[in-house]
C-alpha atoms as a PDB file:
ATOM      1  CA  MET A   1     138.647 185.499 192.072  1.00  0.00           C
ATOM      2  CA  THR A   2     136.811 184.351 189.064  1.00  0.00           C
ATOM      3  CA  VAL A   3     138.018 181.446 186.969  1.00  0.00           C
ATOM      4  CA  PHE A   4     138.736 183.814 184.076  1.00  0.00           C
ATOM      5  CA  VAL A   5     141.033 186.013 186.177  1.00  0.00           C
ATOM      6  CA  LYS A   6     142.896 182.999 187.582  1.00  0.00           C
ATOM      7  CA  ALA A   7     143.347 181.525 184.106  1.00  0.00           C
ATOM      8  CA  THR A   8     144.636 184.851 182.788  1.00  0.00           C
ATOM      9  CA  ILE A   9     147.208 185.086 185.587  1.00  0.00           C
ATOM     10  CA  VAL A  10     148.414 181.516 185.019  1.00  0.00           C
ATOM     11  CA  VAL A  11     148.742 182.031 181.248  1.00  0.00           C
ATOM     12  CA  ALA A  12     150.585 185.355 181.690  1.00  0.00           C
ATOM     13  CA  ALA A  13     153.024 183.854 184.213  1.00  0.00           C
ATOM     14  CA  GLY A  14     153.702 180.915 181.917  1.00  0.00           C
ATOM     15  CA  ALA A  15     154.339 183.202 178.963  1.00  0.00           C
ATOM     16  CA  LEU A  16     156.831 185.222 180.986  1.00  0.00           C
ATOM     17  CA  LEU A  17     158.759 182.113 182.020  1.00  0.00           C
ATOM     18  CA  LEU A  18     158.820 180.669 178.517  1.00  0.00           C
ATOM     19  CA  GLY A  19     159.886 183.986 177.027  1.00  0.00           C
ATOM     20  CA  CYS A  20     163.077 184.165 179.101  1.00  0.00           C
ATOM     21  CA  ASP A  21     165.633 182.810 176.628  1.00  0.00           C
ATOM     22  CA  ARG A  22     169.033 183.918 177.881  1.00  0.00           C
ATOM     23  CA  SER A  23     170.839 182.802 174.727  1.00  0.00           C
ATOM     24  CA  GLU A  24     169.879 186.066 173.029  1.00  0.00           C
ATOM     25  CA  TYR A  25     171.986 187.944 175.575  1.00  0.00           C
ATOM     26  CA  GLU A  26     175.066 185.658 175.644  1.00  0.00           C
ATOM     27  CA  THR A  27     178.500 186.806 174.602  1.00  0.00           C
ATOM     28  CA  ALA A  28     181.144 184.385 173.395  1.00  0.00           C
ATOM     29  CA  PRO A  29     182.646 182.512 176.393  1.00  0.00           C
ATOM     30  CA  VAL A  30     185.560 184.369 177.977  1.00  0.00           C
ATOM     31  CA  ALA A  31     188.683 182.711 179.414  1.00  0.00           C
ATOM     32  CA  LEU A  32     190.106 184.511 182.435  1.00  0.00           C
ATOM     33  CA  LYS A  33     193.500 183.741 183.939  1.00  0.00           C
ATOM     34  CA  HIS A  34     193.401 183.103 187.671  1.00  0.00           C
ATOM     35  CA  ARG A  35     196.166 182.099 190.057  1.00  0.00           C
ATOM     36  CA  GLY A  36     194.731 178.564 190.194  1.00  0.00           C
ATOM     37  CA  GLY A  37     194.203 178.246 186.427  1.00  0.00           C
ATOM     38  CA  THR A  38     191.774 179.385 183.767  1.00  0.00           C
ATOM     39  CA  VAL A  39     188.146 180.206 184.513  1.00  0.00           C
ATOM     40  CA  THR A  40     185.864 180.122 181.480  1.00  0.00           C
ATOM     41  CA  CYS A  41     182.915 182.457 181.909  1.00  0.00           C
ATOM     42  CA  GLN A  42     179.600 182.794 180.185  1.00  0.00           C
ATOM     43  CA  LEU A  43     178.984 186.512 180.209  1.00  0.00           C
ATOM     44  CA  TYR A  44     175.869 188.265 179.037  1.00  0.00           C
ATOM     45  CA  THR A  45     175.194 191.790 177.801  1.00  0.00           C
ATOM     46  CA  VAL A  46     176.444 194.520 180.125  1.00  0.00           C
ATOM     47  CA  ASP A  47     173.002 195.061 181.616  1.00  0.00           C
ATOM     48  CA  ARG A  48     172.690 191.366 182.580  1.00  0.00           C
ATOM     49  CA  VAL A  49     175.685 190.976 184.943  1.00  0.00           C
ATOM     50  CA  MET A  50     173.559 189.049 187.449  1.00  0.00           C
ATOM     51  CA  TRP A  51     173.404 186.153 184.946  1.00  0.00           C
ATOM     52  CA  ASP A  52     177.201 185.858 184.492  1.00  0.00           C
ATOM     53  CA  HIS A  53     178.565 182.487 185.624  1.00  0.00           C
ATOM     54  CA  ALA A  54     181.477 180.071 185.282  1.00  0.00           C
ATOM     55  CA  LEU A  55     181.351 177.312 182.698  1.00  0.00           C
ATOM     56  CA  THR A  56     184.647 175.685 183.685  1.00  0.00           C
ATOM     57  CA  PHE A  57     187.106 176.363 186.481  1.00  0.00           C
ATOM     58  CA  PRO A  58     190.134 174.780 188.185  1.00  0.00           C
ATOM     59  CA  ASP A  59     189.663 172.218 190.942  1.00  0.00           C
ATOM     60  CA  GLU A  60     191.181 174.663 193.453  1.00  0.00           C
ATOM     61  CA  LEU A  61     188.087 176.864 193.181  1.00  0.00           C
ATOM     62  CA  THR A  62     184.521 176.240 194.239  1.00  0.00           C
ATOM     63  CA  LYS A  63     181.658 176.954 191.852  1.00  0.00           C
ATOM     64  CA  GLU A  64     180.733 179.971 193.961  1.00  0.00           C
ATOM     65  CA  GLU A  65     184.286 181.375 193.781  1.00  0.00           C
ATOM     66  CA  ALA A  66     184.437 180.852 190.020  1.00  0.00           C
ATOM     67  CA  ASP A  67     181.025 182.482 189.579  1.00  0.00           C
ATOM     68  CA  ALA A  68     182.233 185.445 191.657  1.00  0.00           C
ATOM     69  CA  ILE A  69     185.229 185.852 189.328  1.00  0.00           C
ATOM     70  CA  CYS A  70     182.896 185.886 186.331  1.00  0.00           C
ATOM     71  CA  THR A  71     180.507 188.331 187.972  1.00  0.00           C
ATOM     72  CA  ALA A  72     183.438 190.622 188.804  1.00  0.00           C
ATOM     73  CA  GLU A  73     184.483 190.559 185.134  1.00  0.00           C
ATOM     74  CA  GLY A  74     180.922 191.393 184.094  1.00  0.00           C
ATOM     75  CA  GLU A  75     180.851 194.284 186.563  1.00  0.00           C
ATOM     76  CA  ARG A  76     184.238 195.504 185.294  1.00  0.00           C
ATOM     77  CA  ARG A  77     182.870 195.523 181.751  1.00  0.00           C
ATOM     78  CA  LEU A  78     179.745 197.368 182.904  1.00  0.00           C
ATOM     79  CA  VAL A  79     181.859 200.118 184.483  1.00  0.00           C
ATOM     80  CA  GLU A  80     183.966 200.323 181.320  1.00  0.00           C
ATOM     81  CA  TYR A  81     180.789 200.614 179.236  1.00  0.00           C
ATOM     82  CA  LYS A  82     179.376 203.397 181.437  1.00  0.00           C
ATOM     83  CA  VAL A  83     182.658 205.324 181.233  1.00  0.00           C
ATOM     84  CA  SER A  84     182.613 205.065 177.440  1.00  0.00           C
ATOM     85  CA  LEU A  85     179.043 206.393 177.398  1.00  0.00           C
ATOM     86  CA  LYS A  86     180.039 209.367 179.555  1.00  0.00           C
ATOM     87  CA  ARG A  87     182.987 210.125 177.274  1.00  0.00           C
ATOM     88  CA  LYS A  88     180.744 209.951 174.219  1.00  0.00           C
ATOM     89  CA  LYS A  89     178.152 212.180 175.864  1.00  0.00           C
ATOM     90  CA  GLY A  90     180.884 214.667 176.770  1.00  0.00           C
ATOM     91  CA  LYS A  91     182.054 214.806 173.147  1.00  0.00           C
ATOM     92  CA  ASP A  92     178.504 215.193 171.824  1.00  0.00           C
ATOM     93  CA  GLY A  93     177.327 217.699 174.385  1.00  0.00           C
END
């Protein structure tokens, strides 16, 4: 590979990493009731469920369990969103 090609690849990769600002996709934090206490989740837009995670959670839960609760809420909202789109499409079509 020539130096020019290598430099182009490095610059492009760096630009992609720097351009990934998740704050543009954040919703307001959501508090979810759980049997062990409240889990506060940082959710993102419905098409970014994989980024959803717990900000705070009760001591009875691990970080992984709390994150799973938040991801489940994001997935629930995604399903709700898709259903609303289908209903709208049915009314329009």
